[in-house]
Amino acid sequence: MAVSDRIRIIMQEKGLNQTRFAESIYATKGYISRLLKGEIGMSNSTAMLIEKVHGYTREWIRNGIEPKLSSPDIKTLTPVQRKIIQEVESMTDDELFFIATYIEALKKKKAGEKMKK
């Protein structure tokens, strides 16, 4: 079974058309269409979003490895977190390096604030 088949299963089981499924993971309908046609592969971050939003494990989505459904106690991503993951997928290595540097600076700032308390 191909990734596209597993995406169709998810959409069917969740009662979603391509547009609604795309919206649920902050993707475009065109992106989902290309996935369903097998024109592109499934990235780990997209599979992770589907896992968080719809409860199917990323291993099952990408490779068909059981279990199909994730445990019910997985933290649900907020809309902002989902949007950030979507944006990260399209970034260049230079942009990702900049973001990683920024995150490290935020951690240091936060650690410094904790030490002052």
C-alpha atoms as a PDB file:
ATOM      1  CA  MET A   1       0.000   0.000   0.000  1.00  0.00           C
ATOM      2  CA  ALA A   2       1.343   3.426  -0.966  1.00  0.00           C
ATOM      3  CA  VAL A   3       1.374   6.619   1.109  1.00  0.00           C
ATOM      4  CA  SER A   4      -1.398   7.960  -1.117  1.00  0.00           C
ATOM      5  CA  ASP A   5      -3.579   4.965  -0.194  1.00  0.00           C
ATOM      6  CA  ARG A   6      -3.016   5.585   3.505  1.00  0.00           C
ATOM      7  CA  ILE A   7      -3.875   9.284   3.090  1.00  0.00           C
ATOM      8  CA  ARG A   8      -7.108   8.254   1.341  1.00  0.00           C
ATOM      9  CA  ILE A   9      -7.894   5.920   4.259  1.00  0.00           C
ATOM     10  CA  ILE A  10      -7.371   8.740   6.754  1.00  0.00           C
ATOM     11  CA  MET A  11      -9.565  11.106   4.752  1.00  0.00           C
ATOM     12  CA  GLN A  12     -12.286   8.474   4.423  1.00  0.00           C
ATOM     13  CA  GLU A  13     -12.201   7.483   8.097  1.00  0.00           C
ATOM     14  CA  LYS A  14     -12.286  11.124   9.180  1.00  0.00           C
ATOM     15  CA  GLY A  15     -14.971  12.066   6.637  1.00  0.00           C
ATOM     16  CA  LEU A  16     -12.812  14.744   5.026  1.00  0.00           C
ATOM     17  CA  ASN A  17     -12.482  15.809   1.415  1.00  0.00           C
ATOM     18  CA  GLN A  18      -9.136  17.041   0.046  1.00  0.00           C
ATOM     19  CA  THR A  19      -9.859  20.664   0.913  1.00  0.00           C
ATOM     20  CA  ARG A  20     -10.885  19.972   4.519  1.00  0.00           C
ATOM     21  CA  PHE A  21      -8.002  17.555   5.036  1.00  0.00           C
ATOM     22  CA  ALA A  22      -5.538  20.128   3.681  1.00  0.00           C
ATOM     23  CA  GLU A  23      -6.989  22.822   5.939  1.00  0.00           C
ATOM     24  CA  SER A  24      -6.749  20.541   8.962  1.00  0.00           C
ATOM     25  CA  ILE A  25      -2.965  20.278   8.574  1.00  0.00           C
ATOM     26  CA  TYR A  26      -2.390  23.795   7.186  1.00  0.00           C
ATOM     27  CA  ALA A  27      -1.467  22.504   3.732  1.00  0.00           C
ATOM     28  CA  THR A  28      -2.778  23.469   0.327  1.00  0.00           C
ATOM     29  CA  LYS A  29      -5.296  21.418  -1.615  1.00  0.00           C
ATOM     30  CA  GLY A  30      -2.694  21.238  -4.399  1.00  0.00           C
ATOM     31  CA  TYR A  31      -0.161  19.685  -2.031  1.00  0.00           C
ATOM     32  CA  ILE A  32      -2.654  17.014  -0.960  1.00  0.00           C
ATOM     33  CA  SER A  33      -3.590  16.408  -4.575  1.00  0.00           C
ATOM     34  CA  ARG A  34       0.071  15.826  -5.479  1.00  0.00           C
ATOM     35  CA  LEU A  35       0.441  13.439  -2.518  1.00  0.00           C
ATOM     36  CA  LEU A  36      -2.626  11.501  -3.609  1.00  0.00           C
ATOM     37  CA  LYS A  37      -1.305  11.252  -7.174  1.00  0.00           C
ATOM     38  CA  GLY A  38       2.049   9.997  -5.885  1.00  0.00           C
ATOM     39  CA  GLU A  39       3.863  12.947  -7.461  1.00  0.00           C
ATOM     40  CA  ILE A  40       5.610  13.843  -4.209  1.00  0.00           C
ATOM     41  CA  GLY A  41       6.598  11.988  -1.069  1.00  0.00           C
ATOM     42  CA  MET A  42       5.423  12.533   2.460  1.00  0.00           C
ATOM     43  CA  SER A  43       7.788  14.520   4.645  1.00  0.00           C
ATOM     44  CA  ASN A  44       8.280  13.513   8.249  1.00  0.00           C
ATOM     45  CA  SER A  45       6.994  16.877   9.472  1.00  0.00           C
ATOM     46  CA  THR A  46       3.759  16.545   7.461  1.00  0.00           C
ATOM     47  CA  ALA A  47       3.317  12.997   8.771  1.00  0.00           C
ATOM     48  CA  MET A  48       3.915  14.353  12.270  1.00  0.00           C
ATOM     49  CA  LEU A  49       1.207  16.981  11.778  1.00  0.00           C
ATOM     50  CA  ILE A  50      -1.235  14.330  10.583  1.00  0.00           C
ATOM     51  CA  GLU A  51      -0.338  12.250  13.627  1.00  0.00           C
ATOM     52  CA  LYS A  52      -0.966  15.133  16.010  1.00  0.00           C
ATOM     53  CA  VAL A  53      -4.166  16.324  14.320  1.00  0.00           C
ATOM     54  CA  HIS A  54      -5.780  13.041  13.293  1.00  0.00           C
ATOM     55  CA  GLY A  55      -4.171  10.392  15.530  1.00  0.00           C
ATOM     56  CA  TYR A  56      -2.502   8.156  12.911  1.00  0.00           C
ATOM     57  CA  THR A  57       1.135   7.308  13.605  1.00  0.00           C
ATOM     58  CA  ARG A  58       3.686   8.854  11.290  1.00  0.00           C
ATOM     59  CA  GLU A  59       5.334   5.441  10.855  1.00  0.00           C
ATOM     60  CA  TRP A  60       2.067   4.031   9.547  1.00  0.00           C
ATOM     61  CA  ILE A  61       1.418   7.069   7.337  1.00  0.00           C
ATOM     62  CA  ARG A  62       4.873   7.006   5.729  1.00  0.00           C
ATOM     63  CA  ASN A  63       5.730   3.298   5.717  1.00  0.00           C
ATOM     64  CA  GLY A  64       2.663   1.283   6.706  1.00  0.00           C
ATOM     65  CA  ILE A  65       4.321   0.191   9.966  1.00  0.00           C
ATOM     66  CA  GLU A  66       1.829  -0.653  12.709  1.00  0.00           C
ATOM     67  CA  PRO A  67       0.352   0.528  14.949  1.00  0.00           C
ATOM     68  CA  LYS A  68      -1.942   2.554  12.732  1.00  0.00           C
ATOM     69  CA  LEU A  69      -3.298   4.765  15.501  1.00  0.00           C
ATOM     70  CA  SER A  70      -1.240   6.681  18.022  1.00  0.00           C
ATOM     71  CA  SER A  71      -1.908   6.554  21.724  1.00  0.00           C
ATOM     72  CA  PRO A  72      -4.718   8.872  22.833  1.00  0.00           C
ATOM     73  CA  ASP A  73      -2.542  10.829  25.266  1.00  0.00           C
ATOM     74  CA  ILE A  74      -0.407  12.514  22.564  1.00  0.00           C
ATOM     75  CA  LYS A  75      -0.443  16.277  23.018  1.00  0.00           C
ATOM     76  CA  THR A  76      -2.426  18.086  20.346  1.00  0.00           C
ATOM     77  CA  LEU A  77      -0.557  20.815  18.521  1.00  0.00           C
ATOM     78  CA  THR A  78      -2.005  24.299  18.638  1.00  0.00           C
ATOM     79  CA  PRO A  79      -2.862  26.020  15.356  1.00  0.00           C
ATOM     80  CA  VAL A  80       0.245  28.202  15.739  1.00  0.00           C
ATOM     81  CA  GLN A  81       2.471  25.140  16.229  1.00  0.00           C
ATOM     82  CA  ARG A  82       0.963  23.485  13.138  1.00  0.00           C
ATOM     83  CA  LYS A  83       1.515  26.643  11.087  1.00  0.00           C
ATOM     84  CA  ILE A  84       5.148  26.860  12.202  1.00  0.00           C
ATOM     85  CA  ILE A  85       5.796  23.241  11.213  1.00  0.00           C
ATOM     86  CA  GLN A  86       4.264  23.891   7.806  1.00  0.00           C
ATOM     87  CA  GLU A  87       6.489  26.945   7.294  1.00  0.00           C
ATOM     88  CA  VAL A  88       9.621  25.055   8.380  1.00  0.00           C
ATOM     89  CA  GLU A  89       9.030  22.465   5.645  1.00  0.00           C
ATOM     90  CA  SER A  90       9.603  25.042   2.912  1.00  0.00           C
ATOM     91  CA  MET A  91      12.663  26.758   4.427  1.00  0.00           C
ATOM     92  CA  THR A  92      16.175  26.566   3.050  1.00  0.00           C
ATOM     93  CA  ASP A  93      19.069  25.306   5.158  1.00  0.00           C
ATOM     94  CA  ASP A  94      20.217  28.901   5.681  1.00  0.00           C
ATOM     95  CA  GLU A  95      16.784  29.925   6.925  1.00  0.00           C
ATOM     96  CA  LEU A  96      16.621  26.887   9.226  1.00  0.00           C
ATOM     97  CA  PHE A  97      20.068  27.745  10.617  1.00  0.00           C
ATOM     98  CA  PHE A  98      18.835  31.281  11.360  1.00  0.00           C
ATOM     99  CA  ILE A  99      15.734  29.928  13.126  1.00  0.00           C
ATOM    100  CA  ALA A 100      17.813  27.434  15.142  1.00  0.00           C
ATOM    101  CA  THR A 101      20.158  30.257  16.189  1.00  0.00           C
ATOM    102  CA  TYR A 102      17.192  32.395  17.215  1.00  0.00           C
ATOM    103  CA  ILE A 103      15.717  29.548  19.284  1.00  0.00           C
ATOM    104  CA  GLU A 104      19.042  29.044  21.073  1.00  0.00           C
ATOM    105  CA  ALA A 105      19.178  32.773  21.851  1.00  0.00           C
ATOM    106  CA  LEU A 106      15.649  32.585  23.295  1.00  0.00           C
ATOM    107  CA  LYS A 107      16.654  29.625  25.475  1.00  0.00           C
ATOM    108  CA  LYS A 108      19.674  31.517  26.798  1.00  0.00           C
ATOM    109  CA  LYS A 109      17.560  34.566  27.509  1.00  0.00           C
ATOM    110  CA  LYS A 110      14.987  32.447  29.325  1.00  0.00           C
ATOM    111  CA  ALA A 111      17.704  30.699  31.336  1.00  0.00           C
ATOM    112  CA  GLY A 112      19.193  34.093  32.272  1.00  0.00           C
ATOM    113  CA  GLU A 113      15.810  35.340  33.458  1.00  0.00           C
ATOM    114  CA  LYS A 114      15.359  32.265  35.644  1.00  0.00           C
ATOM    115  CA  MET A 115      18.772  32.822  37.251  1.00  0.00           C
ATOM    116  CA  LYS A 116      17.817  36.401  38.188  1.00  0.00           C
ATOM    117  CA  LYS A 117      14.764  35.202  40.131  1.00  0.00           C
END
